[in-house]
Amino acid sequence: MEATFTAMNSTIKLKGMNQALQNYLMNDFTTFERKASRFISENELDFINNSPLHVPVFLEETIADLFERSMQLSRKVDYYVNPFLGDAMKSIGYTASYTTDYSPVFKDSTSRGFVNEPYELLAKQWMIKNEDFFLDFGGFGKGYTVDRAKEYLLKEGLTEAIVNAGGDLAVIGTQQVGIEHPVITGKDMMRFFLTDLSMATSGKNYRKWSNGNQTIHHIVNGQNGQVATNNVLQATAIARTTMEAETISKLFCIVPFEQAKKIVFKKFPYTAYIVYFHNHQVTVGGDTTLFEKLEVSS
């Protein structure tokens, strides 16, 4: 059975499970969005973002787990991807859930990055904000929910399934997956088979808007808070978890390609990547044994 629904500003596709499991995961995705979206006021994330400095702040259980996993990955990529960029996102006009007719509102927010951790963790669910920041889990949230869905399905005994959140996906068993072409809408650039792995794609070609004569996209350099400006248009990563793949794909869109390769080789050796550059060249690298039966569209 297959099911399709919308959550977290993405089309979610579930394949290989019965109706009861589909309903469980649909509820899990939508509940997570209500808690962790920065576009929903007065939710659990909004409570943290509006809490004062230097006092203990409670983190709801799911937010605490997401935050812990996000920080583990942030440290691995030298904070080029991190969850503290909500103000930077607002400053570039990303103030509401994106649509194809998105009309940006540019807010007077500080466009700063982070090369350290502006908080103190008292316990897993308690923190103190030492500096002002606005959490945004846009770089981690879909991967987190996909990974959590896969963990649940494995506990339920499934041996063949796909959970796909707008191209950020996890497979159980061996499944064929595709990478959408960054220039030709509605066409896969490549297709191949994955076994018990995850894949994520990040790009500068979809979530974008204008500010005068300047075109702005949604991928921000976590160290300086500025819109990423390297020569990569789209990057796909294959890794053990969807959160890892999501982080790695964004890293390739932020820093120079050779620098990203070095970080990935050192911190994520069990990774393959497919990078599409602005000049329309494509590079495939990393551990290419992670995928099989590669088909390239003509």
Foldseek 3Di string as FASTA:
>chain_A
DKDWDDAPLWIKIKPDDDPVLVVVLVVVRRVLRQAAAPQHDPHQLNQVQPDDAPDKDFHDPVRLVQQVVQVVLCVLLQQQPHFFQPLLQLQVFNRHRDDQPDDGDHDPGDLFADRDDQWAAPDSGIIGGNDRTRTHCPLFSVLVSQQVSVVVVVVVPGQFMKIQTRAWIFTHAKDKDFDCDLPDPPDGQKIWIAHGKTKHKDFQRGQWDDDVPDIAHRQARRHGSHGADEFFGMKMKIANTSSNRSSLRSSCRHDYNVVSVVSCVVRPQRMWMWTQGPVRDIDTDHPVVRTHDMDGDD
